[in-house]
Amino acid sequence: MSKPLVISIPHSLGREEAMRRLKVGLSKAATSTPVLSVDEERWENNRMIFRVRAMGQAAAGHVDVADDHVQVEVVLPWLLQRFAEVAQAAIQNRGKLLLTKK
């Protein structure tokens, strides 16, 4: 099994508001990114467990929401590991957009 990709995104929204934004965020990301589809998304307290598919490959992980940061941990299949840096930047940028105060 490959080493998970771990991304921490700071925020100042508080846990509840961050969770509210993330609950709509993954679905929006999937609809705006044609190569991404969401196979599973479920919440257990402040943790979202997900499985997504991109370029015919499945990736699974979870998102832990804290009062001041969100930590994303995703295990990429071998083929997608080559794009880990791009995936990390995309997740970080999308996360910052979702978690920036408006």
Protein backbone atom coordinates (compact mmCIF):
# COMPACT_ATOMS: atom_id res chain seq x y z
CA MET A 1 0.00 0.00 0.00
CA SER A 2 1.26 3.46 -0.81
CA LYS A 3 2.01 6.20 1.68
CA PRO A 4 -0.94 8.57 2.11
CA LEU A 5 -0.85 12.13 0.87
CA VAL A 6 -1.50 14.40 3.89
CA ILE A 7 -2.53 18.03 3.53
CA SER A 8 -3.31 20.44 6.36
CA ILE A 9 -5.34 23.56 5.58
CA PRO A 10 -5.67 26.22 8.29
CA HIS A 11 -8.92 28.16 8.73
CA SER A 12 -10.56 30.53 11.18
CA LEU A 13 -14.18 29.47 10.65
CA GLY A 14 -14.70 27.14 13.57
CA ARG A 15 -15.52 23.45 13.18
CA GLU A 16 -19.24 23.72 12.39
CA GLU A 17 -18.90 26.30 9.60
CA ALA A 18 -15.94 24.48 8.08
CA MET A 19 -17.95 21.23 8.04
CA ARG A 20 -20.94 22.97 6.47
CA ARG A 21 -18.79 24.33 3.65
CA LEU A 22 -17.04 21.01 3.07
CA LYS A 23 -20.33 19.12 2.87
CA VAL A 24 -21.26 21.04 -0.28
CA GLY A 25 -17.68 21.46 -1.49
CA LEU A 26 -16.88 17.90 -2.59
CA SER A 27 -20.03 17.64 -4.69
CA LYS A 28 -19.29 21.00 -6.34
CA ALA A 29 -15.70 19.94 -7.04
CA ALA A 30 -16.92 16.79 -8.76
CA THR A 31 -19.39 18.67 -10.96
CA SER A 32 -16.82 21.30 -11.94
CA THR A 33 -14.04 18.78 -12.65
CA PRO A 34 -15.09 16.43 -15.47
CA VAL A 35 -12.45 13.77 -14.73
CA LEU A 36 -13.49 13.48 -11.06
CA SER A 37 -16.45 11.51 -9.75
CA VAL A 38 -17.46 10.85 -6.14
CA ASP A 39 -18.11 7.16 -5.40
CA GLU A 40 -18.65 7.60 -1.65
CA GLU A 41 -18.99 10.45 0.82
CA ARG A 42 -20.11 9.86 4.39
CA TRP A 43 -19.71 11.74 7.63
CA GLU A 44 -18.88 10.28 11.03
CA ASN A 45 -18.89 13.14 13.54
CA ASN A 46 -16.21 15.57 12.31
CA ARG A 47 -14.67 13.14 9.80
CA MET A 48 -15.69 12.80 6.17
CA ILE A 49 -14.75 9.48 4.60
CA PHE A 50 -14.62 9.54 0.83
CA ARG A 51 -13.77 7.55 -2.26
CA VAL A 52 -13.32 9.33 -5.58
CA ARG A 53 -12.44 8.24 -9.09
CA ALA A 54 -10.25 10.12 -11.55
CA MET A 55 -8.91 8.91 -14.89
CA GLY A 56 -10.35 5.45 -14.19
CA GLN A 57 -8.46 5.16 -10.90
CA ALA A 58 -10.02 5.12 -7.41
CA ALA A 59 -8.58 7.02 -4.45
CA ALA A 60 -9.83 6.85 -0.88
CA GLY A 61 -9.26 8.94 2.18
CA HIS A 62 -10.73 11.06 4.91
CA VAL A 63 -11.00 14.67 6.00
CA ASP A 64 -10.75 15.56 9.69
CA VAL A 65 -12.25 18.92 10.61
CA ALA A 66 -10.87 20.75 13.65
CA ASP A 67 -11.66 24.20 15.03
CA ASP A 68 -8.70 25.82 13.28
CA HIS A 69 -7.64 23.47 10.47
CA VAL A 70 -8.73 20.69 8.15
CA GLN A 71 -6.52 17.69 7.53
CA VAL A 72 -6.99 15.72 4.32
CA GLU A 73 -5.45 12.26 4.04
CA VAL A 74 -5.81 10.40 0.76
CA VAL A 75 -4.23 7.22 -0.56
CA LEU A 76 -3.58 7.48 -4.27
CA PRO A 77 -3.31 4.39 -6.47
CA TRP A 78 0.04 3.72 -8.08
CA LEU A 79 -0.90 5.37 -11.38
CA LEU A 80 -2.08 8.58 -9.73
CA GLN A 81 0.94 8.83 -7.41
CA ARG A 82 2.82 10.34 -10.31
CA PHE A 83 0.43 13.30 -10.03
CA ALA A 84 0.70 13.61 -6.23
CA GLU A 85 2.20 17.11 -6.30
CA VAL A 86 -0.48 18.34 -8.69
CA ALA A 87 -3.19 16.67 -6.58
CA GLN A 88 -1.77 18.18 -3.40
CA ALA A 89 -1.74 21.68 -4.88
CA ALA A 90 -5.28 21.27 -6.25
CA ILE A 91 -6.64 20.01 -2.91
CA GLN A 92 -4.87 22.79 -1.01
CA ASN A 93 -6.14 25.51 -3.39
CA ARG A 94 -9.72 24.19 -3.42
CA GLY A 95 -9.66 23.82 0.35
CA LYS A 96 -8.43 27.37 0.87
CA LEU A 97 -11.20 28.69 -1.38
CA LEU A 98 -13.84 26.78 0.57
CA LEU A 99 -12.48 27.73 3.98
CA THR A 100 -11.74 31.41 3.39
CA LYS A 101 -14.06 33.70 5.32
CA LYS A 102 -16.56 35.56 3.15
